[in-house]
Amino acid sequence: MTGRRALVVAGLLISAAALWIVLQTIDVGEAAAVLGRAEPVPQLAIVAVAAIQVTLRARRWAILLPTTARVAVIRLLPPLLVGYLGNAVLPARLGEPMRAVLVSRREHVGTTEALGSVLIERVVDVATLAPVAFVAAVLVGAPAWTTQALGIAAAAGIAGIALLVTMGLQPLVRLADRLGLERRPTLRDLVARFTATLGGPSRRGTLLSAAGISVLAWLLDAASFWLAGQAVGADVSYAGAMLIGGVTVLGTAIPSAPGYVGTFELAAAGMAGILGVPGAEALAMAVVAHVMTLGPMALGGAASVVLMGSSLGEIARSAETSRHA
């Protein structure tokens, strides 16, 4: 079994286990009844918040791309939405290399640099999310184990950002040169171009700006969870929603089925339950947050594929090729 197939199988098994835990611990019928009574206005507000988030993330991607590209935010929205679609319906987070391939095709950006920009975006995302979730845990008085775990993750995230804005990964290239990489100039050029997108003093301002946008995006993500709670009648504070959202998104980093099915619901409902939300309301809130954020973005991705005159399968195959190149 190849590494990718093993990852896909592991993701399916983990999602199945997560769903089984949810079914065993929460009355799904009662949760369905809560969903049936959900208020529509907060759900529509979640869609509006998600649209603002996507625009912010497109802006962040624009500044993380090489300065020679200067891609307009509106040009990045279709590839970004296709990436969300890919993550929603395809395994192994294939949406990330898919959007890199698309921006490379549409703009004056090399595939290597495009992939590097997507990778650094994900690194900045996680590095900023952990401190936000840690602050939320302190504000709501979360259990000690939660606060401690998030504190460790926050420290690692801050250290990672500090490393990227000071040294970047160029020292790794010099180390590779000592190990013989300089004798393979083509490969060395590829590695150097890739690592150059991932940080260093020349990108300090860019990375700090990207981190600031990421924090704002995570605060909006918390608003989505708070609105989901309002929709189903769950008593959740904004700080509580920030913690639930942070833990949920961090939980999606583990392998799962396409669209994070199961792992998203388990993390969100589990954290909400720890904060005192009854099981049915907690699961209903998780489902509303999941559907009303990922659903519209995936639909936007499907429309973007059509408008760009391509097909999801063709983009996915090109992404697979670029990822294993």
C-alpha atoms as a PDB file:
ATOM      1  CA  MET A   1       0.000   0.000   0.000  1.00  0.00           C
ATOM      2  CA  THR A   2       1.410   3.380  -1.000  1.00  0.00           C
ATOM      3  CA  GLY A   3       1.812   6.168   1.530  1.00  0.00           C
ATOM      4  CA  ARG A   4      -1.090   8.144   0.064  1.00  0.00           C
ATOM      5  CA  ARG A   5      -3.426   5.145   0.055  1.00  0.00           C
ATOM      6  CA  ALA A   6      -2.466   4.381   3.626  1.00  0.00           C
ATOM      7  CA  LEU A   7      -3.266   7.992   4.555  1.00  0.00           C
ATOM      8  CA  VAL A   8      -6.653   7.781   2.826  1.00  0.00           C
ATOM      9  CA  VAL A   9      -7.527   4.529   4.578  1.00  0.00           C
ATOM     10  CA  ALA A  10      -6.388   5.912   7.923  1.00  0.00           C
ATOM     11  CA  GLY A  11      -8.528   8.997   7.378  1.00  0.00           C
ATOM     12  CA  LEU A  12     -11.624   6.939   6.610  1.00  0.00           C
ATOM     13  CA  LEU A  13     -11.076   4.766   9.673  1.00  0.00           C
ATOM     14  CA  ILE A  14     -10.528   7.778  11.935  1.00  0.00           C
ATOM     15  CA  SER A  15     -13.676   9.478  10.633  1.00  0.00           C
ATOM     16  CA  ALA A  16     -15.660   6.276  11.096  1.00  0.00           C
ATOM     17  CA  ALA A  17     -14.391   5.965  14.672  1.00  0.00           C
ATOM     18  CA  ALA A  18     -15.245   9.609  15.366  1.00  0.00           C
ATOM     19  CA  LEU A  19     -18.775   9.144  14.038  1.00  0.00           C
ATOM     20  CA  TRP A  20     -19.183   5.994  16.115  1.00  0.00           C
ATOM     21  CA  ILE A  21     -18.189   7.898  19.269  1.00  0.00           C
ATOM     22  CA  VAL A  22     -20.673  10.655  18.443  1.00  0.00           C
ATOM     23  CA  LEU A  23     -23.462   8.133  17.893  1.00  0.00           C
ATOM     24  CA  GLN A  24     -22.649   6.370  21.147  1.00  0.00           C
ATOM     25  CA  THR A  25     -22.497   9.471  23.321  1.00  0.00           C
ATOM     26  CA  ILE A  26     -25.135  11.823  21.887  1.00  0.00           C
ATOM     27  CA  ASP A  27     -28.830  11.307  21.167  1.00  0.00           C
ATOM     28  CA  VAL A  28     -28.787  11.918  17.421  1.00  0.00           C
ATOM     29  CA  GLY A  29     -32.571  11.944  17.204  1.00  0.00           C
ATOM     30  CA  GLU A  30     -32.751  14.740  19.753  1.00  0.00           C
ATOM     31  CA  ALA A  31     -29.989  16.600  17.919  1.00  0.00           C
ATOM     32  CA  ALA A  32     -31.989  16.267  14.691  1.00  0.00           C
ATOM     33  CA  ALA A  33     -34.999  17.772  16.445  1.00  0.00           C
ATOM     34  CA  VAL A  34     -32.857  20.702  17.591  1.00  0.00           C
ATOM     35  CA  LEU A  35     -31.640  21.173  14.020  1.00  0.00           C
ATOM     36  CA  GLY A  36     -35.234  21.201  12.826  1.00  0.00           C
ATOM     37  CA  ARG A  37     -35.922  24.191  15.087  1.00  0.00           C
ATOM     38  CA  ALA A  38     -32.726  26.068  14.127  1.00  0.00           C
ATOM     39  CA  GLU A  39     -33.142  29.767  13.414  1.00  0.00           C
ATOM     40  CA  PRO A  40     -32.392  30.697   9.772  1.00  0.00           C
ATOM     41  CA  VAL A  41     -31.065  34.227  10.314  1.00  0.00           C
ATOM     42  CA  PRO A  42     -27.923  33.225  12.268  1.00  0.00           C
ATOM     43  CA  GLN A  43     -27.249  30.535   9.664  1.00  0.00           C
ATOM     44  CA  LEU A  44     -27.373  33.091   6.858  1.00  0.00           C
ATOM     45  CA  ALA A  45     -25.062  35.296   8.915  1.00  0.00           C
ATOM     46  CA  ILE A  46     -22.556  32.415   9.042  1.00  0.00           C
ATOM     47  CA  VAL A  47     -22.499  32.376   5.236  1.00  0.00           C
ATOM     48  CA  ALA A  48     -21.779  36.125   5.208  1.00  0.00           C
ATOM     49  CA  VAL A  49     -18.976  35.692   7.754  1.00  0.00           C
ATOM     50  CA  ALA A  50     -17.525  32.832   5.683  1.00  0.00           C
ATOM     51  CA  ALA A  51     -17.503  35.075   2.603  1.00  0.00           C
ATOM     52  CA  ILE A  52     -15.512  37.705   4.499  1.00  0.00           C
ATOM     53  CA  GLN A  53     -13.125  35.010   5.715  1.00  0.00           C
ATOM     54  CA  VAL A  54     -12.505  33.717   2.200  1.00  0.00           C
ATOM     55  CA  THR A  55     -11.752  37.239   0.989  1.00  0.00           C
ATOM     56  CA  LEU A  56      -9.301  37.749   3.845  1.00  0.00           C
ATOM     57  CA  ARG A  57      -7.601  34.449   3.104  1.00  0.00           C
ATOM     58  CA  ALA A  58      -7.311  35.380  -0.563  1.00  0.00           C
ATOM     59  CA  ARG A  59      -5.682  38.641   0.499  1.00  0.00           C
ATOM     60  CA  ARG A  60      -3.253  36.722   2.704  1.00  0.00           C
ATOM     61  CA  TRP A  61      -2.414  34.366  -0.150  1.00  0.00           C
ATOM     62  CA  ALA A  62      -1.781  37.349  -2.418  1.00  0.00           C
ATOM     63  CA  ILE A  63       0.884  38.747  -0.102  1.00  0.00           C
ATOM     64  CA  LEU A  64       2.498  35.324   0.438  1.00  0.00           C
ATOM     65  CA  LEU A  65       2.976  34.740  -3.278  1.00  0.00           C
ATOM     66  CA  PRO A  66       6.284  35.967  -4.764  1.00  0.00           C
ATOM     67  CA  THR A  67       6.415  39.749  -5.008  1.00  0.00           C
ATOM     68  CA  THR A  68       7.020  39.486  -8.747  1.00  0.00           C
ATOM     69  CA  ALA A  69       3.562  37.946  -9.218  1.00  0.00           C
ATOM     70  CA  ARG A  70       1.363  40.742  -7.787  1.00  0.00           C
ATOM     71  CA  VAL A  71      -1.839  38.750  -8.217  1.00  0.00           C
ATOM     72  CA  ALA A  72      -5.101  40.589  -7.534  1.00  0.00           C
ATOM     73  CA  VAL A  73      -7.225  39.196  -4.714  1.00  0.00           C
ATOM     74  CA  ILE A  74     -10.202  38.669  -6.999  1.00  0.00           C
ATOM     75  CA  ARG A  75      -8.042  36.481  -9.260  1.00  0.00           C
ATOM     76  CA  LEU A  76      -7.183  34.246  -6.314  1.00  0.00           C
ATOM     77  CA  LEU A  77     -10.750  33.680  -5.159  1.00  0.00           C
ATOM     78  CA  PRO A  78     -11.639  31.002  -7.778  1.00  0.00           C
ATOM     79  CA  PRO A  79      -8.526  28.832  -7.130  1.00  0.00           C
ATOM     80  CA  LEU A  80      -9.035  29.239  -3.369  1.00  0.00           C
ATOM     81  CA  LEU A  81     -12.661  28.119  -3.625  1.00  0.00           C
ATOM     82  CA  VAL A  82     -11.628  25.159  -5.781  1.00  0.00           C
ATOM     83  CA  GLY A  83      -9.226  24.248  -3.002  1.00  0.00           C
ATOM     84  CA  TYR A  84     -12.097  24.201  -0.505  1.00  0.00           C
ATOM     85  CA  LEU A  85     -14.084  22.018  -2.895  1.00  0.00           C
ATOM     86  CA  GLY A  86     -11.163  19.629  -3.254  1.00  0.00           C
ATOM     87  CA  ASN A  87     -10.812  19.324   0.512  1.00  0.00           C
ATOM     88  CA  ALA A  88     -14.556  18.732   0.804  1.00  0.00           C
ATOM     89  CA  VAL A  89     -14.883  15.908  -1.709  1.00  0.00           C
ATOM     90  CA  LEU A  90     -11.389  14.457  -2.187  1.00  0.00           C
ATOM     91  CA  PRO A  91      -9.108  12.672   0.316  1.00  0.00           C
ATOM     92  CA  ALA A  92      -5.771  13.676   1.806  1.00  0.00           C
ATOM     93  CA  ARG A  93      -6.423  17.463   1.618  1.00  0.00           C
ATOM     94  CA  LEU A  94      -5.814  17.383  -2.116  1.00  0.00           C
ATOM     95  CA  GLY A  95      -7.468  20.791  -2.394  1.00  0.00           C
ATOM     96  CA  GLU A  96      -4.269  22.500  -1.255  1.00  0.00           C
ATOM     97  CA  PRO A  97      -2.028  21.431  -4.153  1.00  0.00           C
ATOM     98  CA  MET A  98      -5.015  21.829  -6.496  1.00  0.00           C
ATOM     99  CA  ARG A  99      -5.264  25.540  -5.835  1.00  0.00           C
ATOM    100  CA  ALA A 100      -1.491  25.900  -6.176  1.00  0.00           C
ATOM    101  CA  VAL A 101      -1.682  24.268  -9.604  1.00  0.00           C
ATOM    102  CA  LEU A 102      -4.514  26.575 -10.646  1.00  0.00           C
ATOM    103  CA  VAL A 103      -2.763  29.773  -9.599  1.00  0.00           C
ATOM    104  CA  SER A 104       0.374  28.602 -11.373  1.00  0.00           C
ATOM    105  CA  ARG A 105      -1.639  28.138 -14.567  1.00  0.00           C
ATOM    106  CA  ARG A 106      -3.515  31.415 -14.340  1.00  0.00           C
ATOM    107  CA  GLU A 107      -0.769  33.748 -13.136  1.00  0.00           C
ATOM    108  CA  HIS A 108       2.951  34.332 -13.617  1.00  0.00           C
ATOM    109  CA  VAL A 109       3.830  32.051 -10.701  1.00  0.00           C
ATOM    110  CA  GLY A 110       5.976  28.922 -10.829  1.00  0.00           C
ATOM    111  CA  THR A 111       4.440  25.734  -9.485  1.00  0.00           C
ATOM    112  CA  THR A 112       7.223  25.448  -6.918  1.00  0.00           C
ATOM    113  CA  GLU A 113       6.588  28.953  -5.591  1.00  0.00           C
ATOM    114  CA  ALA A 114       2.814  28.410  -5.614  1.00  0.00           C
ATOM    115  CA  LEU A 115       3.152  25.205  -3.585  1.00  0.00           C
ATOM    116  CA  GLY A 116       5.501  26.994  -1.183  1.00  0.00           C
ATOM    117  CA  SER A 117       2.986  29.801  -0.662  1.00  0.00           C
ATOM    118  CA  VAL A 118       0.255  27.292   0.184  1.00  0.00           C
ATOM    119  CA  LEU A 119       2.516  25.468   2.620  1.00  0.00           C
ATOM    120  CA  ILE A 120       3.592  28.616   4.455  1.00  0.00           C
ATOM    121  CA  GLU A 121      -0.050  29.699   4.589  1.00  0.00           C
ATOM    122  CA  ARG A 122      -0.959  26.483   6.387  1.00  0.00           C
ATOM    123  CA  VAL A 123       1.989  26.866   8.769  1.00  0.00           C
ATOM    124  CA  VAL A 124       0.978  30.443   9.627  1.00  0.00           C
ATOM    125  CA  ASP A 125      -2.634  29.321  10.065  1.00  0.00           C
ATOM    126  CA  VAL A 126      -1.792  26.682  12.668  1.00  0.00           C
ATOM    127  CA  ALA A 127       0.858  28.827  14.360  1.00  0.00           C
ATOM    128  CA  THR A 128      -1.644  31.646  14.937  1.00  0.00           C
ATOM    129  CA  LEU A 129      -4.655  29.473  15.749  1.00  0.00           C
ATOM    130  CA  ALA A 130      -3.025  27.824  18.758  1.00  0.00           C
ATOM    131  CA  PRO A 131      -2.386  31.124  20.631  1.00  0.00           C
ATOM    132  CA  VAL A 132      -5.934  32.303  19.867  1.00  0.00           C
ATOM    133  CA  ALA A 133      -7.366  29.058  21.235  1.00  0.00           C
ATOM    134  CA  PHE A 134      -5.096  29.274  24.287  1.00  0.00           C
ATOM    135  CA  VAL A 135      -6.309  32.788  25.115  1.00  0.00           C
ATOM    136  CA  ALA A 136      -9.899  31.576  24.758  1.00  0.00           C
ATOM    137  CA  ALA A 137      -9.207  28.639  27.089  1.00  0.00           C
ATOM    138  CA  VAL A 138      -7.852  31.014  29.733  1.00  0.00           C
ATOM    139  CA  LEU A 139     -10.833  33.371  29.358  1.00  0.00           C
ATOM    140  CA  VAL A 140     -13.460  30.643  29.806  1.00  0.00           C
ATOM    141  CA  GLY A 141     -11.585  28.784  32.539  1.00  0.00           C
ATOM    142  CA  ALA A 142     -11.280  25.581  30.525  1.00  0.00           C
ATOM    143  CA  PRO A 143     -10.077  22.374  32.213  1.00  0.00           C
ATOM    144  CA  ALA A 144      -6.393  22.428  33.106  1.00  0.00           C
ATOM    145  CA  TRP A 145      -5.430  19.733  30.599  1.00  0.00           C
ATOM    146  CA  THR A 146      -7.011  21.720  27.767  1.00  0.00           C
ATOM    147  CA  THR A 147      -5.311  24.963  28.755  1.00  0.00           C
ATOM    148  CA  GLN A 148      -1.949  23.250  29.221  1.00  0.00           C
ATOM    149  CA  ALA A 149      -2.107  21.428  25.875  1.00  0.00           C
ATOM    150  CA  LEU A 150      -3.085  24.602  24.048  1.00  0.00           C
ATOM    151  CA  GLY A 151      -0.387  26.532  25.913  1.00  0.00           C
ATOM    152  CA  ILE A 152       2.260  24.125  24.624  1.00  0.00           C
ATOM    153  CA  ALA A 153       0.828  24.357  21.090  1.00  0.00           C
ATOM    154  CA  ALA A 154       0.741  28.170  21.341  1.00  0.00           C
ATOM    155  CA  ALA A 155       4.377  28.314  22.450  1.00  0.00           C
ATOM    156  CA  ALA A 156       5.371  26.061  19.548  1.00  0.00           C
ATOM    157  CA  GLY A 157       3.396  28.218  17.120  1.00  0.00           C
ATOM    158  CA  ILE A 158       4.985  31.458  18.312  1.00  0.00           C
ATOM    159  CA  ALA A 159       8.430  29.856  18.174  1.00  0.00           C
ATOM    160  CA  GLY A 160       7.730  28.664  14.630  1.00  0.00           C
ATOM    161  CA  ILE A 161       6.731  32.138  13.476  1.00  0.00           C
ATOM    162  CA  ALA A 162       9.826  33.599  15.152  1.00  0.00           C
ATOM    163  CA  LEU A 163      12.030  31.082  13.339  1.00  0.00           C
ATOM    164  CA  LEU A 164      10.453  31.847   9.984  1.00  0.00           C
ATOM    165  CA  VAL A 165      10.784  35.628  10.291  1.00  0.00           C
ATOM    166  CA  THR A 166      14.388  35.490  11.493  1.00  0.00           C
ATOM    167  CA  MET A 167      16.151  32.660   9.681  1.00  0.00           C
ATOM    168  CA  GLY A 168      13.604  30.911   7.502  1.00  0.00           C
ATOM    169  CA  LEU A 169      14.657  27.552   6.078  1.00  0.00           C
ATOM    170  CA  GLN A 170      17.705  28.700   4.135  1.00  0.00           C
ATOM    171  CA  PRO A 171      20.069  27.103   6.711  1.00  0.00           C
ATOM    172  CA  LEU A 172      18.621  23.759   5.621  1.00  0.00           C
ATOM    173  CA  VAL A 173      19.741  24.443   2.068  1.00  0.00           C
ATOM    174  CA  ARG A 174      23.279  25.180   3.264  1.00  0.00           C
ATOM    175  CA  LEU A 175      23.223  21.966   5.279  1.00  0.00           C
ATOM    176  CA  ALA A 176      22.026  20.068   2.216  1.00  0.00           C
ATOM    177  CA  ASP A 177      24.881  21.595   0.211  1.00  0.00           C
ATOM    178  CA  ARG A 178      27.362  20.133   2.677  1.00  0.00           C
ATOM    179  CA  LEU A 179      25.695  16.766   2.203  1.00  0.00           C
ATOM    180  CA  GLY A 180      26.147  16.927  -1.570  1.00  0.00           C
ATOM    181  CA  LEU A 181      23.063  18.751  -2.885  1.00  0.00           C
ATOM    182  CA  GLU A 182      25.242  21.347  -4.651  1.00  0.00           C
ATOM    183  CA  ARG A 183      26.407  18.593  -6.992  1.00  0.00           C
ATOM    184  CA  ARG A 184      22.831  18.389  -8.323  1.00  0.00           C
ATOM    185  CA  PRO A 185      22.205  21.981  -9.499  1.00  0.00           C
ATOM    186  CA  THR A 186      18.720  21.382 -10.906  1.00  0.00           C
ATOM    187  CA  LEU A 187      17.450  19.852  -7.683  1.00  0.00           C
ATOM    188  CA  ARG A 188      19.268  22.448  -5.601  1.00  0.00           C
ATOM    189  CA  ASP A 189      17.627  25.271  -7.536  1.00  0.00           C
ATOM    190  CA  LEU A 190      14.228  23.688  -6.962  1.00  0.00           C
ATOM    191  CA  VAL A 191      14.838  23.316  -3.227  1.00  0.00           C
ATOM    192  CA  ALA A 192      16.224  26.854  -2.936  1.00  0.00           C
ATOM    193  CA  ARG A 193      13.234  28.354  -4.740  1.00  0.00           C
ATOM    194  CA  PHE A 194      10.840  26.389  -2.545  1.00  0.00           C
ATOM    195  CA  THR A 195      12.476  27.280   0.764  1.00  0.00           C
ATOM    196  CA  ALA A 196      12.805  30.940  -0.264  1.00  0.00           C
ATOM    197  CA  THR A 197       9.016  31.212  -0.142  1.00  0.00           C
ATOM    198  CA  LEU A 198       8.932  29.866   3.420  1.00  0.00           C
ATOM    199  CA  GLY A 199      10.476  32.744   5.319  1.00  0.00           C
ATOM    200  CA  GLY A 200      13.664  34.574   6.147  1.00  0.00           C
ATOM    201  CA  PRO A 201      14.494  38.217   6.946  1.00  0.00           C
ATOM    202  CA  SER A 202      13.464  39.377   3.472  1.00  0.00           C
ATOM    203  CA  ARG A 203       9.942  38.083   4.079  1.00  0.00           C
ATOM    204  CA  ARG A 204       9.592  39.303   7.668  1.00  0.00           C
ATOM    205  CA  GLY A 205       7.008  41.973   6.926  1.00  0.00           C
ATOM    206  CA  THR A 206       5.068  39.648   4.653  1.00  0.00           C
ATOM    207  CA  LEU A 207       4.898  36.876   7.242  1.00  0.00           C
ATOM    208  CA  LEU A 208       3.885  39.224  10.061  1.00  0.00           C
ATOM    209  CA  SER A 209       1.141  40.697   7.875  1.00  0.00           C
ATOM    210  CA  ALA A 210      -0.041  37.195   7.016  1.00  0.00           C
ATOM    211  CA  ALA A 211      -0.069  36.278  10.706  1.00  0.00           C
ATOM    212  CA  GLY A 212      -2.177  39.352  11.505  1.00  0.00           C
ATOM    213  CA  ILE A 213      -4.689  38.452   8.797  1.00  0.00           C
ATOM    214  CA  SER A 214      -4.781  34.891  10.128  1.00  0.00           C
ATOM    215  CA  VAL A 215      -5.653  36.059  13.644  1.00  0.00           C
ATOM    216  CA  LEU A 216      -8.488  38.171  12.241  1.00  0.00           C
ATOM    217  CA  ALA A 217      -9.737  35.205  10.203  1.00  0.00           C
ATOM    218  CA  TRP A 218      -9.758  32.991  13.311  1.00  0.00           C
ATOM    219  CA  LEU A 219     -11.727  35.605  15.234  1.00  0.00           C
ATOM    220  CA  LEU A 220     -14.280  35.529  12.425  1.00  0.00           C
ATOM    221  CA  ASP A 221     -14.260  31.734  12.601  1.00  0.00           C
ATOM    222  CA  ALA A 222     -15.199  32.041  16.262  1.00  0.00           C
ATOM    223  CA  ALA A 223     -18.082  34.293  15.211  1.00  0.00           C
ATOM    224  CA  SER A 224     -19.331  31.482  12.949  1.00  0.00           C
ATOM    225  CA  PHE A 225     -19.398  29.035  15.852  1.00  0.00           C
ATOM    226  CA  TRP A 226     -21.083  31.621  18.082  1.00  0.00           C
ATOM    227  CA  LEU A 227     -23.750  32.194  15.422  1.00  0.00           C
ATOM    228  CA  ALA A 228     -24.208  28.429  15.077  1.00  0.00           C
ATOM    229  CA  GLY A 229     -24.812  28.284  18.810  1.00  0.00           C
ATOM    230  CA  GLN A 230     -27.357  31.087  18.527  1.00  0.00           C
ATOM    231  CA  ALA A 231     -29.105  29.236  15.718  1.00  0.00           C
ATOM    232  CA  VAL A 232     -29.709  26.113  17.808  1.00  0.00           C
ATOM    233  CA  GLY A 233     -30.206  27.786  21.187  1.00  0.00           C
ATOM    234  CA  ALA A 234     -26.881  26.741  22.718  1.00  0.00           C
ATOM    235  CA  ASP A 235     -25.631  28.995  25.504  1.00  0.00           C
ATOM    236  CA  VAL A 236     -22.102  29.707  24.301  1.00  0.00           C
ATOM    237  CA  SER A 237     -20.108  32.877  24.904  1.00  0.00           C
ATOM    238  CA  TYR A 238     -17.938  34.357  22.178  1.00  0.00           C
ATOM    239  CA  ALA A 239     -14.797  33.227  24.045  1.00  0.00           C
ATOM    240  CA  GLY A 240     -16.311  29.762  24.344  1.00  0.00           C
ATOM    241  CA  ALA A 241     -17.040  29.734  20.608  1.00  0.00           C
ATOM    242  CA  MET A 242     -13.430  30.787  20.005  1.00  0.00           C
ATOM    243  CA  LEU A 243     -12.214  27.802  22.004  1.00  0.00           C
ATOM    244  CA  ILE A 244     -14.616  25.389  20.315  1.00  0.00           C
ATOM    245  CA  GLY A 245     -13.615  26.661  16.887  1.00  0.00           C
ATOM    246  CA  GLY A 246      -9.914  26.507  17.667  1.00  0.00           C
ATOM    247  CA  VAL A 247     -10.006  22.947  18.980  1.00  0.00           C
ATOM    248  CA  THR A 248     -12.200  21.862  16.067  1.00  0.00           C
ATOM    249  CA  VAL A 249      -9.907  23.287  13.390  1.00  0.00           C
ATOM    250  CA  LEU A 250      -6.821  21.890  15.097  1.00  0.00           C
ATOM    251  CA  GLY A 251      -8.613  18.535  15.147  1.00  0.00           C
ATOM    252  CA  THR A 252      -9.056  18.631  11.374  1.00  0.00           C
ATOM    253  CA  ALA A 253      -5.268  18.460  11.028  1.00  0.00           C
ATOM    254  CA  ILE A 254      -5.410  14.712  11.678  1.00  0.00           C
ATOM    255  CA  PRO A 255      -6.261  12.415   8.734  1.00  0.00           C
ATOM    256  CA  SER A 256      -9.989  12.124   8.095  1.00  0.00           C
ATOM    257  CA  ALA A 257     -12.549  11.479   5.400  1.00  0.00           C
ATOM    258  CA  PRO A 258     -13.150  14.217   2.807  1.00  0.00           C
ATOM    259  CA  GLY A 259     -14.765  17.275   4.313  1.00  0.00           C
ATOM    260  CA  TYR A 260     -13.517  16.337   7.813  1.00  0.00           C
ATOM    261  CA  VAL A 261     -16.732  14.372   8.349  1.00  0.00           C
ATOM    262  CA  GLY A 262     -16.858  12.925  11.841  1.00  0.00           C
ATOM    263  CA  THR A 263     -13.700  14.491  13.214  1.00  0.00           C
ATOM    264  CA  PHE A 264     -15.207  17.980  12.906  1.00  0.00           C
ATOM    265  CA  GLU A 265     -18.403  16.976  14.714  1.00  0.00           C
ATOM    266  CA  LEU A 266     -16.601  15.045  17.437  1.00  0.00           C
ATOM    267  CA  ALA A 267     -14.163  17.869  18.203  1.00  0.00           C
ATOM    268  CA  ALA A 268     -16.796  20.620  18.141  1.00  0.00           C
ATOM    269  CA  ALA A 269     -19.474  18.739  20.069  1.00  0.00           C
ATOM    270  CA  GLY A 270     -16.914  17.343  22.516  1.00  0.00           C
ATOM    271  CA  MET A 271     -15.441  20.745  23.340  1.00  0.00           C
ATOM    272  CA  ALA A 272     -18.899  22.302  23.577  1.00  0.00           C
ATOM    273  CA  GLY A 273     -19.888  19.521  25.966  1.00  0.00           C
ATOM    274  CA  ILE A 274     -16.874  20.229  28.156  1.00  0.00           C
ATOM    275  CA  LEU A 275     -18.063  23.844  28.362  1.00  0.00           C
ATOM    276  CA  GLY A 276     -21.462  22.677  29.589  1.00  0.00           C
ATOM    277  CA  VAL A 277     -23.534  22.626  26.397  1.00  0.00           C
ATOM    278  CA  PRO A 278     -26.019  19.683  26.376  1.00  0.00           C
ATOM    279  CA  GLY A 279     -25.145  16.935  23.912  1.00  0.00           C
ATOM    280  CA  ALA A 280     -27.988  17.484  21.434  1.00  0.00           C
ATOM    281  CA  GLU A 281     -27.380  21.226  21.212  1.00  0.00           C
ATOM    282  CA  ALA A 282     -23.615  20.669  20.982  1.00  0.00           C
ATOM    283  CA  LEU A 283     -23.939  18.290  18.032  1.00  0.00           C
ATOM    284  CA  ALA A 284     -26.535  20.495  16.332  1.00  0.00           C
ATOM    285  CA  MET A 285     -24.218  23.487  16.687  1.00  0.00           C
ATOM    286  CA  ALA A 286     -21.337  21.484  15.194  1.00  0.00           C
ATOM    287  CA  VAL A 287     -23.439  20.399  12.214  1.00  0.00           C
ATOM    288  CA  VAL A 288     -24.687  23.935  11.532  1.00  0.00           C
ATOM    289  CA  ALA A 289     -21.166  25.370  11.718  1.00  0.00           C
ATOM    290  CA  HIS A 290     -19.822  22.619   9.450  1.00  0.00           C
ATOM    291  CA  VAL A 291     -22.521  22.750   6.795  1.00  0.00           C
ATOM    292  CA  MET A 292     -22.930  26.527   6.664  1.00  0.00           C
ATOM    293  CA  THR A 293     -19.202  27.185   6.275  1.00  0.00           C
ATOM    294  CA  LEU A 294     -17.943  24.352   4.095  1.00  0.00           C
ATOM    295  CA  GLY A 295     -21.100  23.937   2.001  1.00  0.00           C
ATOM    296  CA  PRO A 296     -21.269  27.412   0.381  1.00  0.00           C
ATOM    297  CA  MET A 297     -17.511  27.460  -0.204  1.00  0.00           C
ATOM    298  CA  ALA A 298     -17.639  24.063  -1.901  1.00  0.00           C
ATOM    299  CA  LEU A 299     -20.503  25.295  -4.095  1.00  0.00           C
ATOM    300  CA  GLY A 300     -18.406  28.345  -4.944  1.00  0.00           C
ATOM    301  CA  GLY A 301     -15.570  25.997  -5.862  1.00  0.00           C
ATOM    302  CA  ALA A 302     -17.832  23.988  -8.165  1.00  0.00           C
ATOM    303  CA  ALA A 303     -18.957  27.185  -9.904  1.00  0.00           C
ATOM    304  CA  SER A 304     -15.321  28.297 -10.206  1.00  0.00           C
ATOM    305  CA  VAL A 305     -14.346  25.019 -11.891  1.00  0.00           C
ATOM    306  CA  VAL A 306     -17.075  25.539 -14.485  1.00  0.00           C
ATOM    307  CA  LEU A 307     -16.199  29.194 -15.053  1.00  0.00           C
ATOM    308  CA  MET A 308     -12.524  28.326 -15.565  1.00  0.00           C
ATOM    309  CA  GLY A 309     -13.498  25.737 -18.171  1.00  0.00           C
ATOM    310  CA  SER A 310     -11.808  22.838 -16.397  1.00  0.00           C
ATOM    311  CA  SER A 311     -12.850  19.730 -14.496  1.00  0.00           C
ATOM    312  CA  LEU A 312     -12.243  18.690 -10.915  1.00  0.00           C
ATOM    313  CA  GLY A 313     -10.713  15.369 -11.973  1.00  0.00           C
ATOM    314  CA  GLU A 314      -8.219  16.989 -14.339  1.00  0.00           C
ATOM    315  CA  ILE A 315      -7.134  19.535 -11.707  1.00  0.00           C
ATOM    316  CA  ALA A 316      -6.795  16.767  -9.119  1.00  0.00           C
ATOM    317  CA  ARG A 317      -4.581  14.689 -11.438  1.00  0.00           C
ATOM    318  CA  SER A 318      -2.341  17.685 -12.094  1.00  0.00           C
ATOM    319  CA  ALA A 319      -2.142  18.329  -8.353  1.00  0.00           C
ATOM    320  CA  GLU A 320      -1.141  14.730  -7.698  1.00  0.00           C
ATOM    321  CA  THR A 321       1.618  15.019 -10.293  1.00  0.00           C
ATOM    322  CA  SER A 322       2.939  18.284  -8.810  1.00  0.00           C
ATOM    323  CA  ARG A 323       2.847  16.945  -5.273  1.00  0.00           C
ATOM    324  CA  HIS A 324       4.946  13.909  -6.160  1.00  0.00           C
ATOM    325  CA  ALA A 325       7.269  15.705  -8.567  1.00  0.00           C
END
